[in-house]
Amino acid sequence: MTVVASNYARKENDLYQTEPWATEALIRQFPVRGMTVWEPAAGNHLMADVLRDHGASVCTSDIAVYDRPHNAIFDFLLDRPHDEPSIQAIITNPPYGKSNRDAVKFARLALERCDGLVALLLTAKFDFGKTRTDLFRDNPRFWAKIALVDRIQWFPGDSSGTEDHAWYVWGPKGAVYSPRIIWEGRELFGEAA
């Protein structure tokens, strides 16, 4: 399959809405029932809604309000909230930025701010590269990569996404994990690809 550029015109603080099946793929492997989860790039709460549907208490924040209000508005990459939520997990689809620079910064900050589970939806090749060994090879918290076998449709009207994605999961501090790779997708959720 050939990867082609999207025809979608980019704009500042663009909204990439995560299809519910992609969040379901994470939850099948890492249940969230009873957890307090922070979704710091909440957009229109599509991911937060799925987390709530599966029994999590969710605190939302983002850099801007789109159609639904958040618990807080601030830039996760620049600001530290005065009243950071008491959480057991950070689960989000963070901004990637040029060459994934924002995603790398987001991952490091998430691991610093959360002693519990951290799960980030990123490009499937995000774990490649020697500048990220602190997040993967040299990080005892790195637990799993959930490769999505179906592509995410980010924008209304797109027939399918143009890039492969995966969930990267880090476990709670204080334990050492044996990293594993898991494959998930729409079909496993009961949707046609």
N, C-alpha and C. Protein backbone atom coordinates (compact mmCIF):
# COMPACT_ATOMS: atom_id res chain seq x y z
N MET A 1 0.84 -1.17 0.00
CA MET A 1 0.00 0.00 0.00
C MET A 1 0.89 1.24 0.00
N THR A 2 0.56 2.21 -0.79
CA THR A 2 1.33 3.45 -0.89
C THR A 2 0.76 4.49 0.05
N VAL A 3 1.64 5.16 0.78
CA VAL A 3 1.21 6.24 1.65
C VAL A 3 1.24 7.52 0.85
N VAL A 4 0.12 8.24 0.85
CA VAL A 4 0.04 9.49 0.11
C VAL A 4 -0.33 10.62 1.05
N ALA A 5 0.04 11.83 0.67
CA ALA A 5 -0.28 12.99 1.49
C ALA A 5 -1.78 13.25 1.46
N SER A 6 -2.29 13.74 2.58
CA SER A 6 -3.70 14.08 2.68
C SER A 6 -3.97 15.38 1.93
N ASN A 7 -5.17 15.52 1.42
CA ASN A 7 -5.58 16.77 0.77
C ASN A 7 -6.13 17.77 1.77
N TYR A 8 -6.11 17.40 3.04
CA TYR A 8 -6.67 18.26 4.07
C TYR A 8 -5.76 19.46 4.32
N ALA A 9 -6.33 20.67 4.34
CA ALA A 9 -5.56 21.89 4.57
C ALA A 9 -5.35 22.07 6.07
N ARG A 10 -4.09 22.20 6.49
CA ARG A 10 -3.74 22.35 7.91
C ARG A 10 -4.04 23.76 8.40
N LYS A 11 -4.37 23.88 9.68
CA LYS A 11 -4.57 25.18 10.30
C LYS A 11 -4.04 25.13 11.73
N GLU A 12 -3.85 26.29 12.33
CA GLU A 12 -3.33 26.36 13.69
C GLU A 12 -4.26 25.63 14.66
N ASN A 13 -3.68 24.90 15.63
CA ASN A 13 -4.43 24.13 16.62
C ASN A 13 -5.44 23.20 15.95
N ASP A 14 -5.00 22.55 14.88
CA ASP A 14 -5.87 21.67 14.12
C ASP A 14 -6.40 20.55 15.01
N LEU A 15 -7.58 20.09 14.69
CA LEU A 15 -8.26 19.07 15.47
C LEU A 15 -8.21 17.73 14.75
N TYR A 16 -7.50 16.77 15.33
CA TYR A 16 -7.45 15.41 14.81
C TYR A 16 -8.30 14.56 15.74
N GLN A 17 -9.51 14.22 15.31
CA GLN A 17 -10.43 13.49 16.17
C GLN A 17 -10.20 11.98 16.03
N THR A 18 -9.97 11.34 17.16
CA THR A 18 -9.67 9.91 17.18
C THR A 18 -10.95 9.11 17.08
N GLU A 19 -11.03 8.28 16.06
CA GLU A 19 -12.21 7.43 15.91
C GLU A 19 -12.34 6.52 17.14
N PRO A 20 -13.57 6.29 17.61
CA PRO A 20 -13.77 5.48 18.82
C PRO A 20 -13.12 4.10 18.77
N TRP A 21 -13.10 3.44 17.62
CA TRP A 21 -12.51 2.10 17.55
C TRP A 21 -11.05 2.10 17.97
N ALA A 22 -10.33 3.19 17.71
CA ALA A 22 -8.91 3.24 18.07
C ALA A 22 -8.72 3.25 19.58
N THR A 23 -9.59 3.97 20.30
CA THR A 23 -9.53 3.97 21.76
C THR A 23 -9.97 2.62 22.31
N GLU A 24 -10.98 2.03 21.69
CA GLU A 24 -11.42 0.68 22.09
C GLU A 24 -10.28 -0.33 21.97
N ALA A 25 -9.45 -0.19 20.95
CA ALA A 25 -8.32 -1.10 20.76
C ALA A 25 -7.37 -1.05 21.96
N LEU A 26 -7.16 0.14 22.50
CA LEU A 26 -6.32 0.29 23.70
C LEU A 26 -7.00 -0.36 24.90
N ILE A 27 -8.26 -0.05 25.09
CA ILE A 27 -8.99 -0.51 26.29
C ILE A 27 -9.13 -2.03 26.33
N ARG A 28 -9.18 -2.67 25.18
CA ARG A 28 -9.24 -4.14 25.17
C ARG A 28 -8.01 -4.74 25.83
N GLN A 29 -6.89 -4.08 25.71
CA GLN A 29 -5.63 -4.58 26.27
C GLN A 29 -5.33 -4.00 27.65
N PHE A 30 -5.77 -2.77 27.89
CA PHE A 30 -5.50 -2.07 29.15
C PHE A 30 -6.80 -1.45 29.66
N PRO A 31 -7.61 -2.23 30.39
CA PRO A 31 -8.89 -1.72 30.88
C PRO A 31 -8.72 -0.50 31.79
N VAL A 32 -9.70 0.40 31.75
CA VAL A 32 -9.62 1.66 32.50
C VAL A 32 -10.68 1.77 33.59
N ARG A 33 -11.53 0.78 33.74
CA ARG A 33 -12.61 0.85 34.73
C ARG A 33 -12.05 1.21 36.11
N GLY A 34 -12.66 2.24 36.72
CA GLY A 34 -12.27 2.67 38.05
C GLY A 34 -11.08 3.60 38.10
N MET A 35 -10.46 3.88 36.97
CA MET A 35 -9.28 4.75 36.94
C MET A 35 -9.68 6.22 36.76
N THR A 36 -8.84 7.11 37.27
CA THR A 36 -8.96 8.54 37.00
C THR A 36 -7.95 8.85 35.91
N VAL A 37 -8.46 9.29 34.75
CA VAL A 37 -7.64 9.48 33.56
C VAL A 37 -7.63 10.96 33.18
N TRP A 38 -6.46 11.46 32.82
CA TRP A 38 -6.33 12.82 32.28
C TRP A 38 -6.15 12.69 30.78
N GLU A 39 -7.01 13.39 30.03
CA GLU A 39 -6.91 13.46 28.56
C GLU A 39 -6.50 14.90 28.24
N PRO A 40 -5.18 15.18 28.10
CA PRO A 40 -4.70 16.56 27.97
C PRO A 40 -4.69 17.14 26.56
N ALA A 41 -5.17 16.39 25.58
CA ALA A 41 -5.35 16.91 24.22
C ALA A 41 -6.74 16.46 23.76
N ALA A 42 -7.75 16.88 24.52
CA ALA A 42 -9.08 16.29 24.47
C ALA A 42 -9.90 16.62 23.23
N GLY A 43 -9.58 17.70 22.53
CA GLY A 43 -10.36 18.04 21.33
C GLY A 43 -11.84 18.11 21.62
N ASN A 44 -12.64 17.32 20.91
CA ASN A 44 -14.09 17.26 21.12
C ASN A 44 -14.52 16.06 21.96
N HIS A 45 -13.59 15.50 22.72
CA HIS A 45 -13.86 14.46 23.72
C HIS A 45 -14.23 13.10 23.15
N LEU A 46 -13.91 12.82 21.89
CA LEU A 46 -14.24 11.50 21.35
C LEU A 46 -13.54 10.39 22.14
N MET A 47 -12.26 10.60 22.47
CA MET A 47 -11.53 9.61 23.26
C MET A 47 -12.04 9.58 24.70
N ALA A 48 -12.27 10.76 25.27
CA ALA A 48 -12.76 10.85 26.65
C ALA A 48 -14.11 10.14 26.80
N ASP A 49 -14.97 10.28 25.81
CA ASP A 49 -16.28 9.62 25.86
C ASP A 49 -16.13 8.10 25.92
N VAL A 50 -15.23 7.55 25.11
CA VAL A 50 -15.01 6.10 25.12
C VAL A 50 -14.44 5.66 26.47
N LEU A 51 -13.50 6.43 27.01
CA LEU A 51 -12.92 6.10 28.31
C LEU A 51 -14.01 6.10 29.39
N ARG A 52 -14.88 7.11 29.37
CA ARG A 52 -15.99 7.17 30.34
C ARG A 52 -16.94 5.98 30.15
N ASP A 53 -17.24 5.65 28.91
CA ASP A 53 -18.13 4.52 28.63
C ASP A 53 -17.59 3.22 29.21
N HIS A 54 -16.29 3.17 29.41
CA HIS A 54 -15.65 1.97 29.97
C HIS A 54 -15.30 2.13 31.44
N GLY A 55 -15.94 3.08 32.12
CA GLY A 55 -15.84 3.17 33.57
C GLY A 55 -14.75 4.05 34.14
N ALA A 56 -14.08 4.84 33.32
CA ALA A 56 -13.05 5.75 33.83
C ALA A 56 -13.68 7.09 34.20
N SER A 57 -13.10 7.75 35.17
CA SER A 57 -13.40 9.14 35.47
C SER A 57 -12.38 9.95 34.68
N VAL A 58 -12.83 10.88 33.84
CA VAL A 58 -11.92 11.56 32.91
C VAL A 58 -11.89 13.06 33.15
N CYS A 59 -10.67 13.59 33.27
CA CYS A 59 -10.43 15.03 33.34
C CYS A 59 -9.90 15.45 31.98
N THR A 60 -10.53 16.45 31.35
CA THR A 60 -10.11 16.87 30.02
C THR A 60 -9.47 18.25 30.05
N SER A 61 -8.48 18.43 29.18
CA SER A 61 -7.88 19.75 28.96
C SER A 61 -7.39 19.80 27.52
N ASP A 62 -7.16 21.01 27.04
CA ASP A 62 -6.63 21.20 25.69
C ASP A 62 -6.19 22.65 25.57
N ILE A 63 -5.51 22.93 24.47
CA ILE A 63 -5.00 24.27 24.20
C ILE A 63 -6.12 25.23 23.77
N ALA A 64 -7.23 24.66 23.28
CA ALA A 64 -8.35 25.47 22.80
C ALA A 64 -9.65 24.69 23.00
N VAL A 65 -10.76 25.42 22.96
CA VAL A 65 -12.08 24.79 23.00
C VAL A 65 -12.55 24.65 21.56
N TYR A 66 -13.02 23.49 21.20
CA TYR A 66 -13.54 23.26 19.86
C TYR A 66 -15.06 23.33 19.95
N ASP A 67 -15.75 22.22 20.20
CA ASP A 67 -17.20 22.26 20.35
C ASP A 67 -17.64 21.94 21.78
N ARG A 68 -16.78 21.34 22.57
CA ARG A 68 -17.14 20.93 23.93
C ARG A 68 -16.17 21.51 24.94
N PRO A 69 -16.68 22.01 26.06
CA PRO A 69 -15.80 22.61 27.07
C PRO A 69 -14.96 21.55 27.79
N HIS A 70 -13.79 21.98 28.30
CA HIS A 70 -12.87 21.11 29.02
C HIS A 70 -12.87 21.46 30.51
N ASN A 71 -12.27 20.60 31.32
CA ASN A 71 -12.06 20.92 32.72
C ASN A 71 -11.06 22.06 32.88
N ALA A 72 -10.11 22.15 31.94
CA ALA A 72 -9.09 23.22 31.97
C ALA A 72 -8.62 23.50 30.55
N ILE A 73 -8.18 24.74 30.33
CA ILE A 73 -7.62 25.12 29.03
C ILE A 73 -6.19 25.59 29.27
N PHE A 74 -5.23 24.88 28.70
CA PHE A 74 -3.83 25.28 28.75
C PHE A 74 -3.04 24.41 27.79
N ASP A 75 -1.82 24.83 27.51
CA ASP A 75 -0.93 24.11 26.60
C ASP A 75 -0.08 23.15 27.41
N PHE A 76 -0.32 21.86 27.29
CA PHE A 76 0.41 20.83 28.03
C PHE A 76 1.91 20.94 27.82
N LEU A 77 2.33 21.39 26.63
CA LEU A 77 3.76 21.49 26.31
C LEU A 77 4.43 22.70 26.94
N LEU A 78 3.66 23.72 27.25
CA LEU A 78 4.25 24.96 27.77
C LEU A 78 3.89 25.25 29.21
N ASP A 79 2.70 24.92 29.61
CA ASP A 79 2.20 25.30 30.92
C ASP A 79 2.13 24.10 31.85
N ARG A 80 2.19 24.40 33.12
CA ARG A 80 1.91 23.38 34.12
C ARG A 80 0.71 23.90 34.89
N PRO A 81 -0.38 23.17 34.93
CA PRO A 81 -1.58 23.69 35.59
C PRO A 81 -1.33 23.95 37.07
N HIS A 82 -1.96 24.99 37.59
CA HIS A 82 -1.82 25.30 39.02
C HIS A 82 -2.39 24.17 39.86
N ASP A 83 -3.44 23.57 39.38
CA ASP A 83 -4.10 22.48 40.09
C ASP A 83 -4.09 21.24 39.21
N GLU A 84 -2.92 20.62 39.08
CA GLU A 84 -2.79 19.43 38.23
C GLU A 84 -3.68 18.33 38.78
N PRO A 85 -4.44 17.69 37.92
CA PRO A 85 -5.38 16.68 38.41
C PRO A 85 -4.67 15.50 39.07
N SER A 86 -5.33 14.94 40.08
CA SER A 86 -4.85 13.73 40.73
C SER A 86 -5.29 12.56 39.84
N ILE A 87 -4.34 11.92 39.20
CA ILE A 87 -4.68 10.96 38.15
C ILE A 87 -3.94 9.64 38.32
N GLN A 88 -4.48 8.62 37.68
CA GLN A 88 -3.85 7.31 37.62
C GLN A 88 -3.34 7.00 36.23
N ALA A 89 -3.73 7.83 35.25
CA ALA A 89 -3.31 7.58 33.87
C ALA A 89 -3.42 8.85 33.03
N ILE A 90 -2.55 8.96 32.04
CA ILE A 90 -2.69 9.93 30.96
C ILE A 90 -2.89 9.11 29.69
N ILE A 91 -4.00 9.35 29.01
CA ILE A 91 -4.31 8.66 27.76
C ILE A 91 -4.73 9.72 26.76
N THR A 92 -4.01 9.81 25.62
CA THR A 92 -4.31 10.87 24.66
C THR A 92 -3.71 10.60 23.29
N ASN A 93 -4.19 11.36 22.33
CA ASN A 93 -3.61 11.46 21.00
C ASN A 93 -2.97 12.85 20.96
N PRO A 94 -1.69 12.96 21.28
CA PRO A 94 -1.06 14.29 21.40
C PRO A 94 -0.76 14.91 20.04
N PRO A 95 -0.47 16.20 20.04
CA PRO A 95 0.01 16.82 18.79
C PRO A 95 1.38 16.24 18.44
N TYR A 96 1.65 16.06 17.16
CA TYR A 96 2.91 15.47 16.73
C TYR A 96 3.97 16.52 16.44
N GLY A 97 3.59 17.59 15.76
CA GLY A 97 4.55 18.62 15.37
C GLY A 97 5.48 18.14 14.27
N LYS A 98 6.31 19.06 13.80
CA LYS A 98 7.26 18.74 12.73
C LYS A 98 8.25 17.68 13.22
N SER A 99 8.42 16.64 12.43
CA SER A 99 9.33 15.52 12.74
C SER A 99 9.02 14.89 14.09
N ASN A 100 7.78 14.95 14.52
CA ASN A 100 7.33 14.38 15.80
C ASN A 100 7.95 15.05 17.02
N ARG A 101 8.50 16.25 16.87
CA ARG A 101 9.17 16.90 18.00
C ARG A 101 8.21 17.19 19.16
N ASP A 102 7.01 17.66 18.84
CA ASP A 102 6.03 17.91 19.90
C ASP A 102 5.61 16.61 20.57
N ALA A 103 5.47 15.55 19.80
CA ALA A 103 5.08 14.25 20.36
C ALA A 103 6.14 13.73 21.33
N VAL A 104 7.41 13.90 21.00
CA VAL A 104 8.50 13.47 21.88
C VAL A 104 8.44 14.26 23.19
N LYS A 105 8.30 15.57 23.09
CA LYS A 105 8.21 16.41 24.28
C LYS A 105 6.98 16.04 25.11
N PHE A 106 5.86 15.80 24.43
CA PHE A 106 4.63 15.42 25.10
C PHE A 106 4.82 14.11 25.87
N ALA A 107 5.47 13.13 25.24
CA ALA A 107 5.69 11.83 25.89
C ALA A 107 6.56 11.99 27.14
N ARG A 108 7.62 12.76 27.04
CA ARG A 108 8.50 12.95 28.20
C ARG A 108 7.78 13.67 29.33
N LEU A 109 6.99 14.69 29.00
CA LEU A 109 6.24 15.41 30.03
C LEU A 109 5.16 14.52 30.65
N ALA A 110 4.49 13.72 29.86
CA ALA A 110 3.46 12.82 30.38
C ALA A 110 4.07 11.84 31.39
N LEU A 111 5.23 11.29 31.06
CA LEU A 111 5.90 10.36 31.97
C LEU A 111 6.37 11.05 33.24
N GLU A 112 6.74 12.31 33.13
CA GLU A 112 7.15 13.10 34.30
C GLU A 112 5.95 13.43 35.19
N ARG A 113 4.82 13.74 34.59
CA ARG A 113 3.65 14.21 35.33
C ARG A 113 2.74 13.10 35.84
N CYS A 114 2.91 11.89 35.34
CA CYS A 114 2.03 10.79 35.73
C CYS A 114 2.85 9.58 36.19
N ASP A 115 2.65 9.18 37.43
CA ASP A 115 3.33 8.00 37.96
C ASP A 115 2.64 6.71 37.54
N GLY A 116 1.44 6.83 37.00
CA GLY A 116 0.66 5.66 36.60
C GLY A 116 0.83 5.34 35.12
N LEU A 117 -0.22 4.79 34.55
CA LEU A 117 -0.24 4.38 33.15
C LEU A 117 -0.19 5.59 32.23
N VAL A 118 0.62 5.53 31.18
CA VAL A 118 0.66 6.55 30.14
C VAL A 118 0.47 5.83 28.81
N ALA A 119 -0.52 6.27 28.03
CA ALA A 119 -0.78 5.67 26.71
C ALA A 119 -0.95 6.79 25.70
N LEU A 120 -0.11 6.78 24.67
CA LEU A 120 -0.13 7.83 23.65
C LEU A 120 -0.34 7.20 22.28
N LEU A 121 -1.26 7.78 21.51
CA LEU A 121 -1.52 7.35 20.15
C LEU A 121 -0.62 8.14 19.22
N LEU A 122 0.33 7.45 18.57
CA LEU A 122 1.35 8.11 17.76
C LEU A 122 1.55 7.36 16.45
N THR A 123 2.44 7.88 15.61
CA THR A 123 2.74 7.19 14.36
C THR A 123 3.39 5.84 14.67
N ALA A 124 3.18 4.88 13.79
CA ALA A 124 3.68 3.52 14.03
C ALA A 124 5.20 3.44 14.08
N LYS A 125 5.89 4.41 13.52
CA LYS A 125 7.36 4.41 13.53
C LYS A 125 7.93 5.32 14.62
N PHE A 126 7.09 5.79 15.52
CA PHE A 126 7.54 6.72 16.55
C PHE A 126 8.66 6.14 17.42
N ASP A 127 8.67 4.84 17.62
CA ASP A 127 9.68 4.22 18.49
C ASP A 127 11.01 4.00 17.79
N PHE A 128 11.12 4.34 16.52
CA PHE A 128 12.38 4.22 15.80
C PHE A 128 13.23 5.45 16.09
N GLY A 129 14.52 5.30 16.13
CA GLY A 129 15.41 6.44 16.27
C GLY A 129 16.18 6.43 17.57
N LYS A 130 17.45 6.73 17.47
CA LYS A 130 18.32 6.69 18.65
C LYS A 130 18.08 7.84 19.62
N THR A 131 17.39 8.89 19.20
CA THR A 131 17.14 10.01 20.11
C THR A 131 15.97 9.74 21.05
N ARG A 132 15.31 8.60 20.90
CA ARG A 132 14.15 8.28 21.74
C ARG A 132 14.39 7.05 22.61
N THR A 133 15.63 6.64 22.76
CA THR A 133 15.91 5.43 23.55
C THR A 133 15.48 5.61 25.00
N ASP A 134 15.47 6.86 25.50
CA ASP A 134 15.03 7.11 26.87
C ASP A 134 13.54 6.81 27.05
N LEU A 135 12.80 6.80 25.97
CA LEU A 135 11.37 6.50 26.04
C LEU A 135 11.09 5.01 25.88
N PHE A 136 11.97 4.30 25.22
CA PHE A 136 11.70 2.90 24.88
C PHE A 136 12.77 1.96 25.42
N ARG A 137 13.86 1.77 24.71
CA ARG A 137 14.88 0.78 25.09
C ARG A 137 15.39 0.96 26.51
N ASP A 138 15.65 2.19 26.91
CA ASP A 138 16.25 2.45 28.23
C ASP A 138 15.22 2.82 29.29
N ASN A 139 13.94 2.63 29.01
CA ASN A 139 12.90 3.02 29.96
C ASN A 139 12.22 1.77 30.53
N PRO A 140 12.43 1.50 31.84
CA PRO A 140 11.84 0.30 32.42
C PRO A 140 10.31 0.34 32.45
N ARG A 141 9.72 1.52 32.28
CA ARG A 141 8.25 1.65 32.28
C ARG A 141 7.63 1.28 30.94
N PHE A 142 8.42 1.24 29.86
CA PHE A 142 7.81 0.94 28.56
C PHE A 142 7.26 -0.47 28.57
N TRP A 143 5.97 -0.60 28.24
CA TRP A 143 5.25 -1.84 28.44
C TRP A 143 4.77 -2.47 27.14
N ALA A 144 4.23 -1.64 26.22
CA ALA A 144 3.64 -2.25 25.03
C ALA A 144 3.51 -1.26 23.88
N LYS A 145 3.52 -1.83 22.69
CA LYS A 145 3.15 -1.12 21.48
C LYS A 145 1.96 -1.87 20.90
N ILE A 146 0.86 -1.14 20.73
CA ILE A 146 -0.33 -1.73 20.13
C ILE A 146 -0.43 -1.20 18.71
N ALA A 147 -0.01 -2.00 17.76
CA ALA A 147 -0.01 -1.60 16.35
C ALA A 147 -1.44 -1.71 15.81
N LEU A 148 -1.94 -0.61 15.27
CA LEU A 148 -3.28 -0.62 14.69
C LEU A 148 -3.19 -1.08 13.24
N VAL A 149 -3.86 -2.18 12.94
CA VAL A 149 -3.77 -2.75 11.60
C VAL A 149 -4.68 -2.03 10.60
N ASP A 150 -5.54 -1.16 11.09
CA ASP A 150 -6.39 -0.33 10.24
C ASP A 150 -5.97 1.12 10.43
N ARG A 151 -6.18 1.92 9.40
CA ARG A 151 -5.80 3.33 9.47
C ARG A 151 -6.95 4.18 10.01
N ILE A 152 -6.58 5.19 10.76
CA ILE A 152 -7.55 6.09 11.37
C ILE A 152 -7.97 7.16 10.36
N GLN A 153 -9.26 7.42 10.30
CA GLN A 153 -9.80 8.51 9.48
C GLN A 153 -9.89 9.72 10.39
N TRP A 154 -9.04 10.71 10.18
CA TRP A 154 -8.96 11.87 11.07
C TRP A 154 -9.99 12.94 10.76
N PHE A 155 -10.33 13.09 9.49
CA PHE A 155 -11.17 14.22 9.08
C PHE A 155 -12.43 13.74 8.39
N PRO A 156 -13.55 14.43 8.61
CA PRO A 156 -14.80 14.05 7.94
C PRO A 156 -14.61 14.05 6.43
N GLY A 157 -15.16 13.03 5.79
CA GLY A 157 -15.08 12.96 4.33
C GLY A 157 -13.90 12.17 3.80
N ASP A 158 -12.86 11.98 4.62
CA ASP A 158 -11.73 11.15 4.17
C ASP A 158 -12.20 9.70 4.08
N SER A 159 -11.72 8.98 3.08
CA SER A 159 -12.11 7.58 2.97
C SER A 159 -11.28 6.71 3.92
N SER A 160 -10.03 7.08 4.13
CA SER A 160 -9.19 6.38 5.11
C SER A 160 -7.99 7.25 5.40
N GLY A 161 -7.28 6.91 6.45
CA GLY A 161 -6.08 7.66 6.79
C GLY A 161 -4.95 7.37 5.82
N THR A 162 -3.88 8.13 5.96
CA THR A 162 -2.73 7.97 5.06
C THR A 162 -1.49 7.46 5.79
N GLU A 163 -1.60 7.21 7.08
CA GLU A 163 -0.42 6.80 7.84
C GLU A 163 -0.82 5.74 8.87
N ASP A 164 0.13 4.88 9.22
CA ASP A 164 -0.09 3.86 10.22
C ASP A 164 0.16 4.44 11.61
N HIS A 165 -0.60 3.94 12.59
CA HIS A 165 -0.49 4.44 13.96
C HIS A 165 -0.43 3.28 14.95
N ALA A 166 0.00 3.61 16.16
CA ALA A 166 0.08 2.63 17.23
C ALA A 166 -0.10 3.34 18.56
N TRP A 167 -0.56 2.58 19.53
CA TRP A 167 -0.57 3.06 20.91
C TRP A 167 0.76 2.66 21.54
N TYR A 168 1.37 3.58 22.27
CA TYR A 168 2.57 3.30 23.05
C TYR A 168 2.17 3.41 24.51
N VAL A 169 2.47 2.36 25.28
CA VAL A 169 1.98 2.28 26.65
C VAL A 169 3.16 2.10 27.61
N TRP A 170 3.18 2.95 28.64
CA TRP A 170 4.16 2.86 29.72
C TRP A 170 3.40 2.53 30.99
N GLY A 171 3.95 1.64 31.79
CA GLY A 171 3.29 1.22 33.02
C GLY A 171 3.62 2.13 34.19
N PRO A 172 2.97 1.89 35.32
CA PRO A 172 3.22 2.68 36.53
C PRO A 172 4.68 2.59 36.97
N LYS A 173 5.15 3.68 37.59
CA LYS A 173 6.52 3.72 38.11
C LYS A 173 6.71 2.64 39.16
N GLY A 174 7.94 2.18 39.28
CA GLY A 174 8.28 1.24 40.33
C GLY A 174 8.31 -0.21 39.88
N ALA A 175 7.93 -0.47 38.66
CA ALA A 175 7.96 -1.84 38.14
C ALA A 175 8.76 -1.87 36.85
N VAL A 176 9.26 -3.03 36.51
CA VAL A 176 9.97 -3.22 35.25
C VAL A 176 9.11 -4.12 34.38
N TYR A 177 8.89 -3.72 33.15
CA TYR A 177 8.00 -4.44 32.25
C TYR A 177 8.79 -5.10 31.13
N SER A 178 8.28 -6.21 30.65
CA SER A 178 8.82 -6.86 29.46
C SER A 178 7.99 -6.35 28.29
N PRO A 179 8.54 -5.46 27.47
CA PRO A 179 7.75 -4.88 26.38
C PRO A 179 7.22 -5.94 25.43
N ARG A 180 6.03 -5.66 24.90
CA ARG A 180 5.41 -6.59 23.96
C ARG A 180 4.75 -5.80 22.84
N ILE A 181 4.53 -6.47 21.74
CA ILE A 181 3.81 -5.88 20.60
C ILE A 181 2.48 -6.62 20.46
N ILE A 182 1.43 -5.82 20.30
CA ILE A 182 0.07 -6.35 20.16
C ILE A 182 -0.51 -5.76 18.89
N TRP A 183 -1.32 -6.52 18.18
CA TRP A 183 -1.99 -6.01 16.97
C TRP A 183 -3.47 -5.89 17.25
N GLU A 184 -4.03 -4.74 16.91
CA GLU A 184 -5.45 -4.47 17.10
C GLU A 184 -5.99 -3.72 15.89
N GLY A 185 -7.31 -3.69 15.76
CA GLY A 185 -7.91 -2.95 14.66
C GLY A 185 -9.42 -2.88 14.75
N ARG A 186 -10.03 -2.29 13.73
CA ARG A 186 -11.49 -2.14 13.66
C ARG A 186 -12.20 -3.48 13.70
N GLU A 187 -11.72 -4.41 12.88
CA GLU A 187 -12.40 -5.68 12.74
C GLU A 187 -12.53 -6.38 14.09
N LEU A 188 -11.53 -6.25 14.92
CA LEU A 188 -11.58 -6.86 16.23
C LEU A 188 -12.62 -6.19 17.11
N PHE A 189 -13.01 -4.97 16.74
CA PHE A 189 -14.04 -4.22 17.45
C PHE A 189 -15.41 -4.47 16.84
N GLY A 190 -15.44 -5.20 15.74
CA GLY A 190 -16.70 -5.52 15.10
C GLY A 190 -17.11 -4.56 13.99
N GLU A 191 -16.21 -3.67 13.59
CA GLU A 191 -16.50 -2.74 12.50
C GLU A 191 -15.82 -3.25 11.23
N ALA A 192 -16.40 -2.98 10.11
CA ALA A 192 -15.77 -3.33 8.84
C ALA A 192 -14.63 -2.38 8.55
N ALA A 193 -13.57 -2.88 8.00
CA ALA A 193 -12.41 -2.04 7.69
C ALA A 193 -12.64 -1.27 6.42
